[in-house]
N, C-alpha and C. Protein backbone atom coordinates (compact mmCIF):
# COMPACT_ATOMS: atom_id res chain seq x y z
N MET A 1 128.69 93.77 60.62
CA MET A 1 128.31 93.14 59.39
C MET A 1 126.82 92.82 59.44
N ILE A 2 126.12 93.07 58.35
CA ILE A 2 124.70 92.78 58.25
C ILE A 2 124.54 91.41 57.62
N LYS A 3 123.71 90.60 58.25
CA LYS A 3 123.46 89.26 57.75
C LYS A 3 121.99 89.15 57.37
N LEU A 4 121.72 88.71 56.16
CA LEU A 4 120.35 88.50 55.73
C LEU A 4 119.87 87.14 56.22
N LEU A 5 118.70 87.14 56.84
CA LEU A 5 118.12 85.91 57.36
C LEU A 5 116.93 85.50 56.50
N SER A 6 116.70 84.22 56.45
CA SER A 6 115.52 83.72 55.75
C SER A 6 114.28 84.01 56.60
N ARG A 7 113.12 83.92 55.98
CA ARG A 7 111.87 84.14 56.70
C ARG A 7 111.77 83.15 57.86
N GLU A 8 112.11 81.90 57.61
CA GLU A 8 112.03 80.87 58.65
C GLU A 8 112.96 81.19 59.81
N GLU A 9 114.17 81.65 59.53
CA GLU A 9 115.12 82.00 60.59
C GLU A 9 114.60 83.17 61.43
N ILE A 10 114.00 84.13 60.77
CA ILE A 10 113.45 85.29 61.48
C ILE A 10 112.30 84.87 62.39
N LEU A 11 111.42 84.02 61.86
CA LEU A 11 110.28 83.59 62.66
C LEU A 11 110.70 82.75 63.86
N LYS A 12 111.81 82.07 63.77
CA LYS A 12 112.28 81.25 64.89
C LYS A 12 112.91 82.10 66.01
N LEU A 13 113.22 83.36 65.74
CA LEU A 13 113.86 84.22 66.74
C LEU A 13 112.92 84.60 67.88
N ASN A 14 111.64 84.79 67.59
CA ASN A 14 110.68 85.23 68.60
C ASN A 14 109.38 84.46 68.43
N LYS A 15 109.19 83.42 69.22
CA LYS A 15 108.03 82.53 69.06
C LYS A 15 106.71 83.21 69.40
N THR A 16 106.73 84.19 70.29
CA THR A 16 105.50 84.90 70.62
C THR A 16 105.05 85.74 69.43
N PHE A 17 105.97 86.48 68.85
CA PHE A 17 105.66 87.29 67.67
C PHE A 17 105.24 86.38 66.52
N THR A 18 105.93 85.27 66.35
CA THR A 18 105.60 84.31 65.31
C THR A 18 104.20 83.75 65.51
N SER A 19 103.82 83.48 66.75
CA SER A 19 102.47 82.99 67.05
C SER A 19 101.42 83.99 66.60
N PHE A 20 101.69 85.26 66.87
CA PHE A 20 100.76 86.31 66.45
C PHE A 20 100.62 86.33 64.93
N ILE A 21 101.73 86.25 64.20
CA ILE A 21 101.71 86.27 62.73
C ILE A 21 100.95 85.05 62.19
N ILE A 22 101.24 83.89 62.71
CA ILE A 22 100.61 82.67 62.21
C ILE A 22 99.12 82.64 62.54
N ASP A 23 98.75 83.09 63.74
CA ASP A 23 97.32 83.17 64.08
C ASP A 23 96.60 84.14 63.16
N TRP A 24 97.23 85.27 62.87
CA TRP A 24 96.63 86.25 61.97
C TRP A 24 96.49 85.67 60.57
N GLN A 25 97.53 85.00 60.06
CA GLN A 25 97.47 84.37 58.74
C GLN A 25 96.32 83.37 58.68
N GLU A 26 96.19 82.59 59.72
CA GLU A 26 95.13 81.57 59.79
C GLU A 26 93.76 82.21 59.67
N GLN A 27 93.49 83.23 60.48
CA GLN A 27 92.18 83.87 60.47
C GLN A 27 91.90 84.64 59.18
N GLU A 28 92.93 85.23 58.62
CA GLU A 28 92.75 86.09 57.44
C GLU A 28 92.69 85.30 56.13
N TYR A 29 93.44 84.21 56.04
CA TYR A 29 93.61 83.56 54.74
C TYR A 29 93.20 82.09 54.66
N ASN A 30 93.06 81.38 55.77
CA ASN A 30 92.80 79.95 55.70
C ASN A 30 91.43 79.67 55.08
N PRO A 31 91.40 79.08 53.87
CA PRO A 31 90.12 78.82 53.21
C PRO A 31 89.33 77.68 53.84
N ALA A 32 89.91 76.98 54.81
CA ALA A 32 89.15 75.95 55.52
C ALA A 32 88.15 76.59 56.48
N LEU A 33 88.39 77.84 56.85
CA LEU A 33 87.46 78.56 57.73
C LEU A 33 86.31 79.13 56.90
N GLU A 34 85.11 79.00 57.42
CA GLU A 34 83.91 79.37 56.65
C GLU A 34 83.93 80.81 56.16
N HIS A 35 84.40 81.74 56.98
CA HIS A 35 84.38 83.15 56.57
C HIS A 35 85.39 83.47 55.46
N ASN A 36 86.28 82.54 55.13
CA ASN A 36 87.25 82.74 54.04
C ASN A 36 86.90 81.94 52.79
N GLN A 37 85.77 81.27 52.79
CA GLN A 37 85.40 80.44 51.65
C GLN A 37 84.55 81.22 50.65
N TYR A 38 84.72 80.84 49.38
CA TYR A 38 83.82 81.35 48.35
C TYR A 38 82.46 80.70 48.53
N LYS A 39 81.42 81.40 48.16
CA LYS A 39 80.06 80.88 48.25
C LYS A 39 79.45 80.90 46.84
N ALA A 40 78.62 79.90 46.56
CA ALA A 40 77.94 79.84 45.26
C ALA A 40 77.11 81.10 45.06
N GLY A 41 77.08 81.58 43.83
CA GLY A 41 76.31 82.78 43.53
C GLY A 41 77.06 83.66 42.56
N LYS A 42 76.64 84.88 42.47
CA LYS A 42 77.21 85.83 41.52
C LYS A 42 78.46 86.46 42.10
N MET A 43 79.56 86.36 41.35
CA MET A 43 80.83 86.98 41.74
C MET A 43 81.49 87.53 40.47
N TYR A 44 82.44 88.41 40.67
CA TYR A 44 83.17 89.00 39.54
C TYR A 44 84.19 87.99 39.02
N ASP A 45 84.19 87.78 37.71
CA ASP A 45 85.14 86.89 37.04
C ASP A 45 86.22 87.76 36.40
N THR A 46 87.45 87.63 36.88
CA THR A 46 88.54 88.47 36.37
C THR A 46 88.94 88.10 34.94
N THR A 47 88.70 86.86 34.51
CA THR A 47 89.04 86.49 33.13
C THR A 47 88.03 87.06 32.14
N LEU A 48 86.77 87.18 32.54
CA LEU A 48 85.74 87.75 31.67
C LEU A 48 85.56 89.24 31.89
N ASN A 49 86.10 89.75 32.98
CA ASN A 49 85.95 91.16 33.37
C ASN A 49 84.49 91.56 33.56
N LYS A 50 83.72 90.64 34.14
CA LYS A 50 82.32 90.95 34.45
C LYS A 50 81.80 89.93 35.46
N PRO A 51 80.73 90.26 36.17
CA PRO A 51 80.15 89.32 37.12
C PRO A 51 79.50 88.13 36.39
N ARG A 52 79.53 86.98 37.05
CA ARG A 52 78.85 85.80 36.51
C ARG A 52 78.44 84.90 37.67
N TYR A 53 77.59 83.92 37.40
CA TYR A 53 77.13 83.00 38.42
C TYR A 53 78.10 81.83 38.54
N TYR A 54 78.47 81.49 39.77
CA TYR A 54 79.34 80.36 40.06
C TYR A 54 78.50 79.28 40.75
N PRO A 55 78.35 78.08 40.13
CA PRO A 55 77.61 76.99 40.78
C PRO A 55 78.42 76.38 41.92
N GLN A 56 77.76 75.64 42.80
CA GLN A 56 78.40 75.06 43.98
C GLN A 56 79.57 74.15 43.62
N GLU A 57 79.46 73.36 42.55
CA GLU A 57 80.54 72.45 42.15
C GLU A 57 81.82 73.23 41.83
N GLU A 58 81.67 74.33 41.12
CA GLU A 58 82.83 75.16 40.77
C GLU A 58 83.41 75.83 42.01
N ILE A 59 82.54 76.27 42.90
CA ILE A 59 82.98 76.91 44.14
C ILE A 59 83.75 75.91 45.00
N ASP A 60 83.26 74.66 45.08
CA ASP A 60 83.96 73.64 45.86
C ASP A 60 85.37 73.42 45.32
N LYS A 61 85.51 73.38 44.02
CA LYS A 61 86.83 73.20 43.39
C LYS A 61 87.74 74.40 43.68
N MET A 62 87.18 75.60 43.59
CA MET A 62 87.97 76.81 43.86
C MET A 62 88.44 76.83 45.31
N ASN A 63 87.55 76.47 46.25
CA ASN A 63 87.93 76.44 47.66
C ASN A 63 88.99 75.38 47.93
N GLU A 64 88.87 74.24 47.27
CA GLU A 64 89.86 73.17 47.43
C GLU A 64 91.24 73.62 46.92
N GLU A 65 91.27 74.29 45.77
CA GLU A 65 92.53 74.80 45.21
C GLU A 65 93.15 75.86 46.12
N ARG A 66 92.31 76.72 46.67
CA ARG A 66 92.81 77.76 47.59
C ARG A 66 93.39 77.14 48.85
N LEU A 67 92.74 76.08 49.36
CA LEU A 67 93.23 75.41 50.56
C LEU A 67 94.58 74.74 50.29
N GLU A 68 94.73 74.10 49.15
CA GLU A 68 96.00 73.47 48.78
C GLU A 68 97.10 74.52 48.70
N GLU A 69 96.80 75.66 48.07
CA GLU A 69 97.79 76.73 47.95
C GLU A 69 98.13 77.31 49.32
N TYR A 70 97.14 77.51 50.16
CA TYR A 70 97.36 78.03 51.50
C TYR A 70 98.29 77.11 52.29
N ASN A 71 97.99 75.81 52.27
CA ASN A 71 98.80 74.83 53.01
C ASN A 71 100.22 74.75 52.48
N ARG A 72 100.40 74.96 51.20
CA ARG A 72 101.72 74.92 50.60
C ARG A 72 102.55 76.17 50.97
N LYS A 73 101.89 77.31 51.10
CA LYS A 73 102.60 78.58 51.31
C LYS A 73 102.69 79.03 52.76
N LYS A 74 101.84 78.49 53.64
CA LYS A 74 101.83 79.01 55.01
C LYS A 74 103.13 78.71 55.74
N ASP A 75 103.40 79.51 56.76
CA ASP A 75 104.59 79.31 57.58
C ASP A 75 104.39 78.09 58.47
N ASN A 76 105.38 77.22 58.51
CA ASN A 76 105.32 76.02 59.36
C ASN A 76 106.50 76.04 60.32
N VAL A 77 106.34 76.79 61.38
CA VAL A 77 107.37 76.87 62.42
C VAL A 77 106.71 76.69 63.77
N GLU A 78 107.51 76.27 64.75
CA GLU A 78 106.99 76.06 66.09
C GLU A 78 106.64 77.39 66.73
N THR A 79 105.51 77.42 67.42
CA THR A 79 105.07 78.67 68.08
C THR A 79 104.71 78.38 69.53
N THR A 80 104.35 79.44 70.25
CA THR A 80 103.84 79.30 71.60
C THR A 80 102.39 79.74 71.61
N SER A 81 101.65 79.34 72.62
CA SER A 81 100.24 79.70 72.72
C SER A 81 100.10 81.13 73.19
N LEU A 82 99.36 81.93 72.44
CA LEU A 82 99.10 83.31 72.84
C LEU A 82 98.05 83.39 73.95
N GLU A 83 97.16 82.42 73.98
CA GLU A 83 96.10 82.43 74.99
C GLU A 83 96.66 82.39 76.39
N GLU A 84 97.72 81.64 76.62
CA GLU A 84 98.32 81.54 77.94
C GLU A 84 99.00 82.83 78.37
N LYS A 85 99.50 83.59 77.41
CA LYS A 85 100.25 84.80 77.74
C LYS A 85 99.37 86.03 77.88
N TYR A 86 98.26 86.10 77.13
CA TYR A 86 97.45 87.31 77.09
C TYR A 86 95.98 86.98 77.32
N THR A 87 95.66 86.57 78.54
CA THR A 87 94.26 86.26 78.85
C THR A 87 93.60 87.44 79.52
């Protein structure tokens, strides 16, 4: 019989694999990290379908909203340290 598991149940099966996924998510998507933040300046606006200038105040709000969404959606399961296993 095939049993469908939730994402959380699957991630709890292998903590090393889960650590890899969560570390990757952190580096790729966490807007708290500088390389994932929007910067003030000219960017493409999807609502206007053209580039426009974004001031720092608007960028700060966008980064804050992204961080809230990231924290709400990220996986929150116990993991193991990858550094100890693969040095």
